[in-house]
Amino acid sequence: MDPERQMREMAIQWGTPVFDSEGRRIGTVEKVYRNADYGVPPPEAAPKVIDPYMAIKTPQEMLWVPFSQVSQITPTGVTLNLLENRIHELGFDEQPGFLQG
């Protein structure tokens, strides 16, 4: 990962707006899960390559989206590389068992 993107990812915090790939606001960041949130040692269910996750609060529910689904990070928010209606198809409406808290 390039250092500039890593710096932008570190700036994501509670309350950051989240948009789908067409610019529709989905919700806001509730929590960012980084490596330490997997536990030490990580549970067996954790992926071998750890991708940070965001918990996103929408008006209807919570979503858990890996950073690999982020296409853009700007001062005004985070844009995902998927449409809002694909979130359920990809299972991001279910908290992965390896995330703590």
C-alpha atoms as a PDB file:
ATOM      1  CA  MET A   1       0.000   0.000   0.000  1.00  0.00           C
ATOM      2  CA  ASP A   2       1.295   3.434  -0.821  1.00  0.00           C
ATOM      3  CA  PRO A   3       2.163   5.686   2.143  1.00  0.00           C
ATOM      4  CA  GLU A   4      -0.207   8.468   1.032  1.00  0.00           C
ATOM      5  CA  ARG A   5      -3.239   6.159   1.054  1.00  0.00           C
ATOM      6  CA  GLN A   6      -2.150   4.752   4.398  1.00  0.00           C
ATOM      7  CA  MET A   7      -2.094   8.288   5.848  1.00  0.00           C
ATOM      8  CA  ARG A   8      -5.589   8.982   4.487  1.00  0.00           C
ATOM      9  CA  GLU A   9      -6.884   5.719   5.977  1.00  0.00           C
ATOM     10  CA  MET A  10      -5.479   6.709   9.356  1.00  0.00           C
ATOM     11  CA  ALA A  11      -7.531   9.932   9.153  1.00  0.00           C
ATOM     12  CA  ILE A  12     -10.838   8.032   8.978  1.00  0.00           C
ATOM     13  CA  GLN A  13     -12.592   8.408  12.312  1.00  0.00           C
ATOM     14  CA  TRP A  14     -15.971   8.314  14.013  1.00  0.00           C
ATOM     15  CA  GLY A  15     -18.552  10.426  12.219  1.00  0.00           C
ATOM     16  CA  THR A  16     -16.862  10.467   8.796  1.00  0.00           C
ATOM     17  CA  PRO A  17     -19.566  10.379   6.070  1.00  0.00           C
ATOM     18  CA  VAL A  18     -19.598   7.281   3.828  1.00  0.00           C
ATOM     19  CA  PHE A  19     -20.876   7.302   0.234  1.00  0.00           C
ATOM     20  CA  ASP A  20     -21.531   4.586  -2.337  1.00  0.00           C
ATOM     21  CA  SER A  21     -19.845   4.595  -5.763  1.00  0.00           C
ATOM     22  CA  GLU A  22     -22.557   6.882  -7.173  1.00  0.00           C
ATOM     23  CA  GLY A  23     -22.151   9.463  -4.411  1.00  0.00           C
ATOM     24  CA  ARG A  24     -25.244   8.513  -2.365  1.00  0.00           C
ATOM     25  CA  ARG A  25     -24.677   8.919   1.358  1.00  0.00           C
ATOM     26  CA  ILE A  26     -24.935   5.531   3.090  1.00  0.00           C
ATOM     27  CA  GLY A  27     -24.148   6.558   6.662  1.00  0.00           C
ATOM     28  CA  THR A  28     -21.250   7.487   8.919  1.00  0.00           C
ATOM     29  CA  VAL A  29     -18.240   5.671  10.319  1.00  0.00           C
ATOM     30  CA  GLU A  30     -19.050   4.325  13.783  1.00  0.00           C
ATOM     31  CA  LYS A  31     -15.751   2.502  14.403  1.00  0.00           C
ATOM     32  CA  VAL A  32     -12.545   1.622  12.605  1.00  0.00           C
ATOM     33  CA  TYR A  33     -11.164  -1.855  13.233  1.00  0.00           C
ATOM     34  CA  ARG A  34      -7.416  -2.025  12.843  1.00  0.00           C
ATOM     35  CA  ASN A  35      -5.014  -4.936  13.555  1.00  0.00           C
ATOM     36  CA  ALA A  36      -5.285  -4.682  17.362  1.00  0.00           C
ATOM     37  CA  ASP A  37      -9.041  -5.264  17.202  1.00  0.00           C
ATOM     38  CA  TYR A  38      -8.495  -8.843  16.001  1.00  0.00           C
ATOM     39  CA  GLY A  39      -7.141  -9.910  19.375  1.00  0.00           C
ATOM     40  CA  VAL A  40      -3.704 -11.235  20.258  1.00  0.00           C
ATOM     41  CA  PRO A  41      -3.191 -13.807  18.959  1.00  0.00           C
ATOM     42  CA  PRO A  42      -5.924 -13.392  16.330  1.00  0.00           C
ATOM     43  CA  PRO A  43      -8.670 -16.024  16.402  1.00  0.00           C
ATOM     44  CA  GLU A  44      -8.473 -18.816  13.839  1.00  0.00           C
ATOM     45  CA  ALA A  45     -11.400 -17.288  11.935  1.00  0.00           C
ATOM     46  CA  ALA A  46      -9.409 -14.115  11.232  1.00  0.00           C
ATOM     47  CA  PRO A  47      -8.096 -13.711   7.714  1.00  0.00           C
ATOM     48  CA  LYS A  48      -4.382 -14.328   7.191  1.00  0.00           C
ATOM     49  CA  VAL A  49      -3.932 -10.933   5.551  1.00  0.00           C
ATOM     50  CA  ILE A  50      -5.573  -8.423   7.856  1.00  0.00           C
ATOM     51  CA  ASP A  51      -7.600  -5.750   6.105  1.00  0.00           C
ATOM     52  CA  PRO A  52      -8.901  -2.969   8.350  1.00  0.00           C
ATOM     53  CA  TYR A  53     -12.682  -2.682   8.556  1.00  0.00           C
ATOM     54  CA  MET A  54     -15.115   0.166   9.125  1.00  0.00           C
ATOM     55  CA  ALA A  55     -18.342  -0.203  11.057  1.00  0.00           C
ATOM     56  CA  ILE A  56     -20.801   2.080   9.281  1.00  0.00           C
ATOM     57  CA  LYS A  57     -23.990   3.280  10.950  1.00  0.00           C
ATOM     58  CA  THR A  58     -26.865   3.755   8.533  1.00  0.00           C
ATOM     59  CA  PRO A  59     -30.380   4.953   9.394  1.00  0.00           C
ATOM     60  CA  GLN A  60     -31.543   1.293   9.309  1.00  0.00           C
ATOM     61  CA  GLU A  61     -28.611  -0.869  10.420  1.00  0.00           C
ATOM     62  CA  MET A  62     -24.899  -1.385  11.004  1.00  0.00           C
ATOM     63  CA  LEU A  63     -22.558  -2.439   8.200  1.00  0.00           C
ATOM     64  CA  TRP A  64     -19.020  -3.855   8.379  1.00  0.00           C
ATOM     65  CA  VAL A  65     -17.028  -3.004   5.256  1.00  0.00           C
ATOM     66  CA  PRO A  66     -13.344  -3.848   4.658  1.00  0.00           C
ATOM     67  CA  PHE A  67     -11.045  -1.040   3.572  1.00  0.00           C
ATOM     68  CA  SER A  68     -10.460  -2.982   0.346  1.00  0.00           C
ATOM     69  CA  GLN A  69     -13.895  -1.675  -0.713  1.00  0.00           C
ATOM     70  CA  VAL A  70     -12.796   1.980  -0.352  1.00  0.00           C
ATOM     71  CA  SER A  71     -12.152   3.774  -3.634  1.00  0.00           C
ATOM     72  CA  GLN A  72     -11.542   7.303  -2.356  1.00  0.00           C
ATOM     73  CA  ILE A  73     -10.818   9.125   0.904  1.00  0.00           C
ATOM     74  CA  THR A  74     -11.229  12.897   0.944  1.00  0.00           C
ATOM     75  CA  PRO A  75     -11.688  15.539   3.645  1.00  0.00           C
ATOM     76  CA  THR A  76     -15.458  15.330   3.016  1.00  0.00           C
ATOM     77  CA  GLY A  77     -15.798  11.564   3.416  1.00  0.00           C
ATOM     78  CA  VAL A  78     -15.118   8.013   2.295  1.00  0.00           C
ATOM     79  CA  THR A  79     -16.383   6.679  -1.036  1.00  0.00           C
ATOM     80  CA  LEU A  80     -16.841   2.936  -1.477  1.00  0.00           C
ATOM     81  CA  ASN A  81     -16.254   1.142  -4.773  1.00  0.00           C
ATOM     82  CA  LEU A  82     -19.687  -0.502  -4.670  1.00  0.00           C
ATOM     83  CA  LEU A  83     -23.324   0.472  -4.990  1.00  0.00           C
ATOM     84  CA  GLU A  84     -25.484   0.674  -1.887  1.00  0.00           C
ATOM     85  CA  ASN A  85     -27.767  -2.130  -3.120  1.00  0.00           C
ATOM     86  CA  ARG A  86     -24.778  -4.542  -3.377  1.00  0.00           C
ATOM     87  CA  ILE A  87     -23.891  -4.246   0.328  1.00  0.00           C
ATOM     88  CA  HIS A  88     -26.345  -6.964   1.380  1.00  0.00           C
ATOM     89  CA  GLU A  89     -25.388  -9.244  -1.520  1.00  0.00           C
ATOM     90  CA  LEU A  90     -21.761  -9.151  -0.354  1.00  0.00           C
ATOM     91  CA  GLY A  91     -22.661  -9.860   3.290  1.00  0.00           C
ATOM     92  CA  PHE A  92     -21.444  -6.552   4.703  1.00  0.00           C
ATOM     93  CA  ASP A  93     -24.600  -6.311   6.838  1.00  0.00           C
ATOM     94  CA  GLU A  94     -23.231  -9.126   9.065  1.00  0.00           C
ATOM     95  CA  GLN A  95     -20.382  -8.488  11.510  1.00  0.00           C
ATOM     96  CA  PRO A  96     -17.459 -10.822  10.795  1.00  0.00           C
ATOM     97  CA  GLY A  97     -16.851 -13.138  13.739  1.00  0.00           C
ATOM     98  CA  PHE A  98     -13.175 -12.206  13.943  1.00  0.00           C
ATOM     99  CA  LEU A  99     -13.916  -8.526  14.695  1.00  0.00           C
ATOM    100  CA  GLN A 100     -14.076  -7.714  18.406  1.00  0.00           C
ATOM    101  CA  GLY A 101     -16.326  -5.032  19.855  1.00  0.00           C
END
